[in-house]
Amino acid sequence: MQIKIEDDFWQGDDEAVITAWLVDDGAEVAEGDVVAEMMLAKVQMEIEAPCSGVIHIEMEAEVPLKKGMVIATIDQ
């Protein structure tokens, strides 16, 4: 399953950035775990795992993100 920046996560076309991954690549995560922190216009947001499994990080921290981008995948 993909973890992606949903189109309705924020209004407008601003870019966000992952400020920190809270799990390591290849870590076991549970549905609802907070896996990353993201910053948008000086507002900190959390990204949760949509399911349980092994996470594979695809976007490094501090890279500009746009809506629709896949930031990680989870093997169930």
PDB file of N, CA and C in Angstrom:
ATOM      1  N   MET A   1       0.842  -1.172   0.000  1.00  0.00           N
ATOM      2  CA  MET A   1       0.000   0.000   0.000  1.00  0.00           C
ATOM      3  C   MET A   1       0.889   1.236   0.000  1.00  0.00           C
ATOM      4  N   GLN A   2       0.489   2.216  -0.765  1.00  0.00           N
ATOM      5  CA  GLN A   2       1.251   3.456  -0.846  1.00  0.00           C
ATOM      6  C   GLN A   2       0.825   4.441   0.241  1.00  0.00           C
ATOM      7  N   ILE A   3       1.800   5.185   0.739  1.00  0.00           N
ATOM      8  CA  ILE A   3       1.507   6.346   1.572  1.00  0.00           C
ATOM      9  C   ILE A   3       1.776   7.537   0.667  1.00  0.00           C
ATOM     10  N   LYS A   4       0.733   8.290   0.346  1.00  0.00           N
ATOM     11  CA  LYS A   4       0.947   9.427  -0.530  1.00  0.00           C
ATOM     12  C   LYS A   4       0.288  10.668   0.034  1.00  0.00           C
ATOM     13  N   ILE A   5       0.731  11.788  -0.454  1.00  0.00           N
ATOM     14  CA  ILE A   5       0.175  13.066  -0.030  1.00  0.00           C
ATOM     15  C   ILE A   5      -1.158  13.237  -0.752  1.00  0.00           C
ATOM     16  N   GLU A   6      -2.235  13.091  -0.009  1.00  0.00           N
ATOM     17  CA  GLU A   6      -3.567  13.162  -0.600  1.00  0.00           C
ATOM     18  C   GLU A   6      -3.884  14.576  -1.079  1.00  0.00           C
ATOM     19  N   ASP A   7      -4.702  14.666  -2.113  1.00  0.00           N
ATOM     20  CA  ASP A   7      -5.070  15.961  -2.690  1.00  0.00           C
ATOM     21  C   ASP A   7      -5.798  16.871  -1.716  1.00  0.00           C
ATOM     22  N   ASP A   8      -6.456  16.293  -0.713  1.00  0.00           N
ATOM     23  CA  ASP A   8      -7.218  17.114   0.238  1.00  0.00           C
ATOM     24  C   ASP A   8      -6.487  17.304   1.568  1.00  0.00           C
ATOM     25  N   PHE A   9      -5.181  17.004   1.611  1.00  0.00           N
ATOM     26  CA  PHE A   9      -4.416  17.133   2.857  1.00  0.00           C
ATOM     27  C   PHE A   9      -4.308  18.590   3.292  1.00  0.00           C
ATOM     28  N   TRP A  10      -4.243  19.510   2.324  1.00  0.00           N
ATOM     29  CA  TRP A  10      -4.264  20.946   2.605  1.00  0.00           C
ATOM     30  C   TRP A  10      -4.860  21.657   1.405  1.00  0.00           C
ATOM     31  N   GLN A  11      -5.259  22.901   1.616  1.00  0.00           N
ATOM     32  CA  GLN A  11      -5.822  23.707   0.539  1.00  0.00           C
ATOM     33  C   GLN A  11      -4.707  24.410  -0.218  1.00  0.00           C
ATOM     34  N   GLY A  12      -4.954  24.714  -1.472  1.00  0.00           N
ATOM     35  CA  GLY A  12      -3.972  25.438  -2.274  1.00  0.00           C
ATOM     36  C   GLY A  12      -2.934  24.529  -2.886  1.00  0.00           C
ATOM     37  N   ASP A  13      -1.977  25.147  -3.572  1.00  0.00           N
ATOM     38  CA  ASP A  13      -0.937  24.404  -4.284  1.00  0.00           C
ATOM     39  C   ASP A  13       0.427  24.522  -3.628  1.00  0.00           C
ATOM     40  N   ASP A  14       0.462  24.911  -2.353  1.00  0.00           N
ATOM     41  CA  ASP A  14       1.734  25.054  -1.648  1.00  0.00           C
ATOM     42  C   ASP A  14       2.452  23.711  -1.577  1.00  0.00           C
ATOM     43  N   GLU A  15       3.774  23.775  -1.450  1.00  0.00           N
ATOM     44  CA  GLU A  15       4.572  22.580  -1.240  1.00  0.00           C
ATOM     45  C   GLU A  15       4.805  22.390   0.252  1.00  0.00           C
ATOM     46  N   ALA A  16       4.924  21.151   0.658  1.00  0.00           N
ATOM     47  CA  ALA A  16       5.225  20.801   2.047  1.00  0.00           C
ATOM     48  C   ALA A  16       6.578  20.111   2.051  1.00  0.00           C
ATOM     49  N   VAL A  17       7.069  19.792   3.241  1.00  0.00           N
ATOM     50  CA  VAL A  17       8.335  19.080   3.363  1.00  0.00           C
ATOM     51  C   VAL A  17       8.254  18.144   4.568  1.00  0.00           C
ATOM     52  N   ILE A  18       8.783  16.936   4.413  1.00  0.00           N
ATOM     53  CA  ILE A  18       8.886  16.023   5.557  1.00  0.00           C
ATOM     54  C   ILE A  18      10.038  16.537   6.404  1.00  0.00           C
ATOM     55  N   THR A  19       9.757  16.855   7.645  1.00  0.00           N
ATOM     56  CA  THR A  19      10.810  17.352   8.527  1.00  0.00           C
ATOM     57  C   THR A  19      11.542  16.207   9.214  1.00  0.00           C
ATOM     58  N   ALA A  20      10.845  15.080   9.420  1.00  0.00           N
ATOM     59  CA  ALA A  20      11.492  13.934  10.071  1.00  0.00           C
ATOM     60  C   ALA A  20      10.706  12.660   9.823  1.00  0.00           C
ATOM     61  N   TRP A  21      11.426  11.596   9.524  1.00  0.00           N
ATOM     62  CA  TRP A  21      10.836  10.263   9.539  1.00  0.00           C
ATOM     63  C   TRP A  21      10.969   9.747  10.965  1.00  0.00           C
ATOM     64  N   LEU A  22       9.894   9.238  11.533  1.00  0.00           N
ATOM     65  CA  LEU A  22       9.906   8.747  12.904  1.00  0.00           C
ATOM     66  C   LEU A  22      10.131   7.247  12.982  1.00  0.00           C
ATOM     67  N   VAL A  23      10.273   6.617  11.813  1.00  0.00           N
ATOM     68  CA  VAL A  23      10.578   5.180  11.719  1.00  0.00           C
ATOM     69  C   VAL A  23      11.717   5.016  10.720  1.00  0.00           C
ATOM     70  N   ASP A  24      12.418   3.901  10.822  1.00  0.00           N
ATOM     71  CA  ASP A  24      13.489   3.600   9.881  1.00  0.00           C
ATOM     72  C   ASP A  24      12.947   2.828   8.687  1.00  0.00           C
ATOM     73  N   ASP A  25      13.620   2.955   7.558  1.00  0.00           N
ATOM     74  CA  ASP A  25      13.282   2.174   6.378  1.00  0.00           C
ATOM     75  C   ASP A  25      13.373   0.699   6.733  1.00  0.00           C
ATOM     76  N   GLY A  26      12.358  -0.074   6.392  1.00  0.00           N
ATOM     77  CA  GLY A  26      12.334  -1.502   6.692  1.00  0.00           C
ATOM     78  C   GLY A  26      11.741  -1.840   8.049  1.00  0.00           C
ATOM     79  N   ALA A  27      11.296  -0.814   8.786  1.00  0.00           N
ATOM     80  CA  ALA A  27      10.720  -1.049  10.115  1.00  0.00           C
ATOM     81  C   ALA A  27       9.306  -1.605  10.002  1.00  0.00           C
ATOM     82  N   GLU A  28       8.905  -2.339  11.004  1.00  0.00           N
ATOM     83  CA  GLU A  28       7.545  -2.855  11.132  1.00  0.00           C
ATOM     84  C   GLU A  28       6.690  -1.731  11.729  1.00  0.00           C
ATOM     85  N   VAL A  29       5.554  -1.410  11.079  1.00  0.00           N
ATOM     86  CA  VAL A  29       4.655  -0.373  11.593  1.00  0.00           C
ATOM     87  C   VAL A  29       3.254  -0.940  11.742  1.00  0.00           C
ATOM     88  N   ALA A  30       2.473  -0.317  12.611  1.00  0.00           N
ATOM     89  CA  ALA A  30       1.080  -0.712  12.803  1.00  0.00           C
ATOM     90  C   ALA A  30       0.181   0.385  12.251  1.00  0.00           C
ATOM     91  N   GLU A  31      -0.990  -0.009  11.792  1.00  0.00           N
ATOM     92  CA  GLU A  31      -1.954   0.961  11.286  1.00  0.00           C
ATOM     93  C   GLU A  31      -2.184   2.054  12.328  1.00  0.00           C
ATOM     94  N   GLY A  32      -2.098   3.305  11.905  1.00  0.00           N
ATOM     95  CA  GLY A  32      -2.304   4.433  12.802  1.00  0.00           C
ATOM     96  C   GLY A  32      -1.047   4.965  13.451  1.00  0.00           C
ATOM     97  N   ASP A  33       0.085   4.235  13.330  1.00  0.00           N
ATOM     98  CA  ASP A  33       1.346   4.741  13.860  1.00  0.00           C
ATOM     99  C   ASP A  33       1.716   6.034  13.126  1.00  0.00           C
ATOM    100  N   VAL A  34       2.223   7.006  13.856  1.00  0.00           N
ATOM    101  CA  VAL A  34       2.753   8.211  13.223  1.00  0.00           C
ATOM    102  C   VAL A  34       4.136   7.856  12.687  1.00  0.00           C
ATOM    103  N   VAL A  35       4.305   7.968  11.355  1.00  0.00           N
ATOM    104  CA  VAL A  35       5.553   7.547  10.732  1.00  0.00           C
ATOM    105  C   VAL A  35       6.428   8.726  10.300  1.00  0.00           C
ATOM    106  N   ALA A  36       5.820   9.906  10.144  1.00  0.00           N
ATOM    107  CA  ALA A  36       6.587  11.070   9.698  1.00  0.00           C
ATOM    108  C   ALA A  36       5.920  12.346  10.169  1.00  0.00           C
ATOM    109  N   GLU A  37       6.738  13.398  10.237  1.00  0.00           N
ATOM    110  CA  GLU A  37       6.235  14.738  10.509  1.00  0.00           C
ATOM    111  C   GLU A  37       6.475  15.576   9.265  1.00  0.00           C
ATOM    112  N   MET A  38       5.493  16.398   8.921  1.00  0.00           N
ATOM    113  CA  MET A  38       5.548  17.209   7.725  1.00  0.00           C
ATOM    114  C   MET A  38       5.258  18.650   8.096  1.00  0.00           C
ATOM    115  N   MET A  39       5.914  19.589   7.424  1.00  0.00           N
ATOM    116  CA  MET A  39       5.728  21.010   7.682  1.00  0.00           C
ATOM    117  C   MET A  39       5.155  21.669   6.434  1.00  0.00           C
ATOM    118  N   LEU A  40       4.136  22.498   6.654  1.00  0.00           N
ATOM    119  CA  LEU A  40       3.525  23.274   5.582  1.00  0.00           C
ATOM    120  C   LEU A  40       3.228  24.654   6.144  1.00  0.00           C
ATOM    121  N   ALA A  41       3.843  25.659   5.594  1.00  0.00           N
ATOM    122  CA  ALA A  41       3.610  27.051   6.023  1.00  0.00           C
ATOM    123  C   ALA A  41       3.707  27.191   7.538  1.00  0.00           C
ATOM    124  N   LYS A  42       4.769  26.650   8.098  1.00  0.00           N
ATOM    125  CA  LYS A  42       5.063  26.724   9.536  1.00  0.00           C
ATOM    126  C   LYS A  42       4.055  25.993  10.416  1.00  0.00           C
ATOM    127  N   VAL A  43       3.293  25.071   9.823  1.00  0.00           N
ATOM    128  CA  VAL A  43       2.352  24.231  10.568  1.00  0.00           C
ATOM    129  C   VAL A  43       2.853  22.802  10.484  1.00  0.00           C
ATOM    130  N   GLN A  44       3.081  22.182  11.646  1.00  0.00           N
ATOM    131  CA  GLN A  44       3.562  20.800  11.712  1.00  0.00           C
ATOM    132  C   GLN A  44       2.376  19.849  11.628  1.00  0.00           C
ATOM    133  N   MET A  45       2.448  18.833  10.764  1.00  0.00           N
ATOM    134  CA  MET A  45       1.406  17.825  10.616  1.00  0.00           C
ATOM    135  C   MET A  45       2.034  16.449  10.768  1.00  0.00           C
ATOM    136  N   GLU A  46       1.219  15.473  11.122  1.00  0.00           N
ATOM    137  CA  GLU A  46       1.693  14.101  11.260  1.00  0.00           C
ATOM    138  C   GLU A  46       1.134  13.239  10.138  1.00  0.00           C
ATOM    139  N   ILE A  47       1.924  12.290   9.698  1.00  0.00           N
ATOM    140  CA  ILE A  47       1.493  11.322   8.693  1.00  0.00           C
ATOM    141  C   ILE A  47       1.438   9.970   9.375  1.00  0.00           C
ATOM    142  N   GLU A  48       0.279   9.305   9.266  1.00  0.00           N
ATOM    143  CA  GLU A  48       0.077   8.016   9.922  1.00  0.00           C
ATOM    144  C   GLU A  48       0.130   6.880   8.913  1.00  0.00           C
ATOM    145  N   ALA A  49       0.504   5.713   9.382  1.00  0.00           N
ATOM    146  CA  ALA A  49       0.492   4.514   8.551  1.00  0.00           C
ATOM    147  C   ALA A  49      -0.968   4.120   8.283  1.00  0.00           C
ATOM    148  N   PRO A  50      -1.334   3.924   7.011  1.00  0.00           N
ATOM    149  CA  PRO A  50      -2.703   3.543   6.692  1.00  0.00           C
ATOM    150  C   PRO A  50      -2.999   2.066   6.944  1.00  0.00           C
ATOM    151  N   CYS A  51      -1.938   1.277   7.185  1.00  0.00           N
ATOM    152  CA  CYS A  51      -2.101  -0.159   7.440  1.00  0.00           C
ATOM    153  C   CYS A  51      -0.856  -0.651   8.171  1.00  0.00           C
ATOM    154  N   SER A  52      -0.885  -1.893   8.597  1.00  0.00           N
ATOM    155  CA  SER A  52       0.266  -2.503   9.266  1.00  0.00           C
ATOM    156  C   SER A  52       1.145  -3.209   8.244  1.00  0.00           C
ATOM    157  N   GLY A  53       2.446  -3.265   8.518  1.00  0.00           N
ATOM    158  CA  GLY A  53       3.367  -3.965   7.641  1.00  0.00           C
ATOM    159  C   GLY A  53       4.759  -3.389   7.741  1.00  0.00           C
ATOM    160  N   VAL A  54       5.576  -3.647   6.712  1.00  0.00           N
ATOM    161  CA  VAL A  54       6.961  -3.165   6.665  1.00  0.00           C
ATOM    162  C   VAL A  54       7.004  -1.932   5.765  1.00  0.00           C
ATOM    163  N   ILE A  55       7.539  -0.823   6.310  1.00  0.00           N
ATOM    164  CA  ILE A  55       7.564   0.432   5.562  1.00  0.00           C
ATOM    165  C   ILE A  55       8.848   0.549   4.749  1.00  0.00           C
ATOM    166  N   HIS A  56       8.697   1.099   3.546  1.00  0.00           N
ATOM    167  CA  HIS A  56       9.825   1.381   2.665  1.00  0.00           C
ATOM    168  C   HIS A  56       9.747   2.857   2.289  1.00  0.00           C
ATOM    169  N   ILE A  57      10.679   3.646   2.799  1.00  0.00           N
ATOM    170  CA  ILE A  57      10.678   5.088   2.604  1.00  0.00           C
ATOM    171  C   ILE A  57      11.166   5.413   1.194  1.00  0.00           C
ATOM    172  N   GLU A  58      10.395   6.226   0.486  1.00  0.00           N
ATOM    173  CA  GLU A  58      10.745   6.589  -0.890  1.00  0.00           C
ATOM    174  C   GLU A  58      11.156   8.046  -1.038  1.00  0.00           C
ATOM    175  N   MET A  59      10.819   8.901  -0.089  1.00  0.00           N
ATOM    176  CA  MET A  59      11.179  10.318  -0.148  1.00  0.00           C
ATOM    177  C   MET A  59      11.970  10.681   1.106  1.00  0.00           C
ATOM    178  N   GLU A  60      13.123  11.267   0.915  1.00  0.00           N
ATOM    179  CA  GLU A  60      13.951  11.687   2.041  1.00  0.00           C
ATOM    180  C   GLU A  60      13.358  12.927   2.700  1.00  0.00           C
ATOM    181  N   ALA A  61      13.741  13.173   3.926  1.00  0.00           N
ATOM    182  CA  ALA A  61      13.334  14.383   4.634  1.00  0.00           C
ATOM    183  C   ALA A  61      13.914  15.604   3.928  1.00  0.00           C
ATOM    184  N   GLU A  62      13.221  16.710   4.052  1.00  0.00           N
ATOM    185  CA  GLU A  62      13.627  18.019   3.527  1.00  0.00           C
ATOM    186  C   GLU A  62      13.489  18.155   2.015  1.00  0.00           C
ATOM    187  N   VAL A  63      12.868  17.187   1.340  1.00  0.00           N
ATOM    188  CA  VAL A  63      12.606  17.287  -0.094  1.00  0.00           C
ATOM    189  C   VAL A  63      11.219  17.901  -0.273  1.00  0.00           C
ATOM    190  N   PRO A  64      11.069  18.935  -1.117  1.00  0.00           N
ATOM    191  CA  PRO A  64       9.744  19.531  -1.327  1.00  0.00           C
ATOM    192  C   PRO A  64       8.743  18.494  -1.855  1.00  0.00           C
ATOM    193  N   LEU A  65       7.537  18.520  -1.295  1.00  0.00           N
ATOM    194  CA  LEU A  65       6.484  17.576  -1.665  1.00  0.00           C
ATOM    195  C   LEU A  65       5.294  18.315  -2.247  1.00  0.00           C
ATOM    196  N   LYS A  66       4.680  17.686  -3.229  1.00  0.00           N
ATOM    197  CA  LYS A  66       3.439  18.200  -3.802  1.00  0.00           C
ATOM    198  C   LYS A  66       2.349  17.159  -3.580  1.00  0.00           C
ATOM    199  N   LYS A  67       1.120  17.605  -3.679  1.00  0.00           N
ATOM    200  CA  LYS A  67      -0.008  16.681  -3.546  1.00  0.00           C
ATOM    201  C   LYS A  67       0.115  15.570  -4.580  1.00  0.00           C
ATOM    202  N   GLY A  68      -0.241  14.361  -4.174  1.00  0.00           N
ATOM    203  CA  GLY A  68      -0.221  13.213  -5.058  1.00  0.00           C
ATOM    204  C   GLY A  68       1.078  12.424  -5.028  1.00  0.00           C
ATOM    205  N   MET A  69       2.127  12.958  -4.417  1.00  0.00           N
ATOM    206  CA  MET A  69       3.410  12.262  -4.395  1.00  0.00           C
ATOM    207  C   MET A  69       3.390  11.076  -3.425  1.00  0.00           C
ATOM    208  N   VAL A  70       3.992   9.974  -3.839  1.00  0.00           N
ATOM    209  CA  VAL A  70       4.143   8.797  -2.979  1.00  0.00           C
ATOM    210  C   VAL A  70       5.395   9.004  -2.142  1.00  0.00           C
ATOM    211  N   ILE A  71       5.255   8.920  -0.813  1.00  0.00           N
ATOM    212  CA  ILE A  71       6.404   9.146   0.055  1.00  0.00           C
ATOM    213  C   ILE A  71       6.945   7.841   0.641  1.00  0.00           C
ATOM    214  N   ALA A  72       6.123   6.798   0.660  1.00  0.00           N
ATOM    215  CA  ALA A  72       6.553   5.499   1.190  1.00  0.00           C
ATOM    216  C   ALA A  72       5.563   4.433   0.746  1.00  0.00           C
ATOM    217  N   THR A  73       5.964   3.178   0.894  1.00  0.00           N
ATOM    218  CA  THR A  73       5.055   2.056   0.656  1.00  0.00           C
ATOM    219  C   THR A  73       5.122   1.144   1.888  1.00  0.00           C
ATOM    220  N   ILE A  74       4.053   0.379   2.079  1.00  0.00           N
ATOM    221  CA  ILE A  74       4.011  -0.580   3.170  1.00  0.00           C
ATOM    222  C   ILE A  74       3.658  -1.938   2.579  1.00  0.00           C
ATOM    223  N   ASP A  75       4.538  -2.926   2.810  1.00  0.00           N
ATOM    224  CA  ASP A  75       4.256  -4.308   2.414  1.00  0.00           C
ATOM    225  C   ASP A  75       3.462  -4.943   3.553  1.00  0.00           C
ATOM    226  N   GLN A  76       2.296  -5.428   3.236  1.00  0.00           N
ATOM    227  CA  GLN A  76       1.426  -6.024   4.251  1.00  0.00           C
ATOM    228  C   GLN A  76       1.711  -7.489   4.415  1.00  0.00           C
TER     229      GLN A  76
END
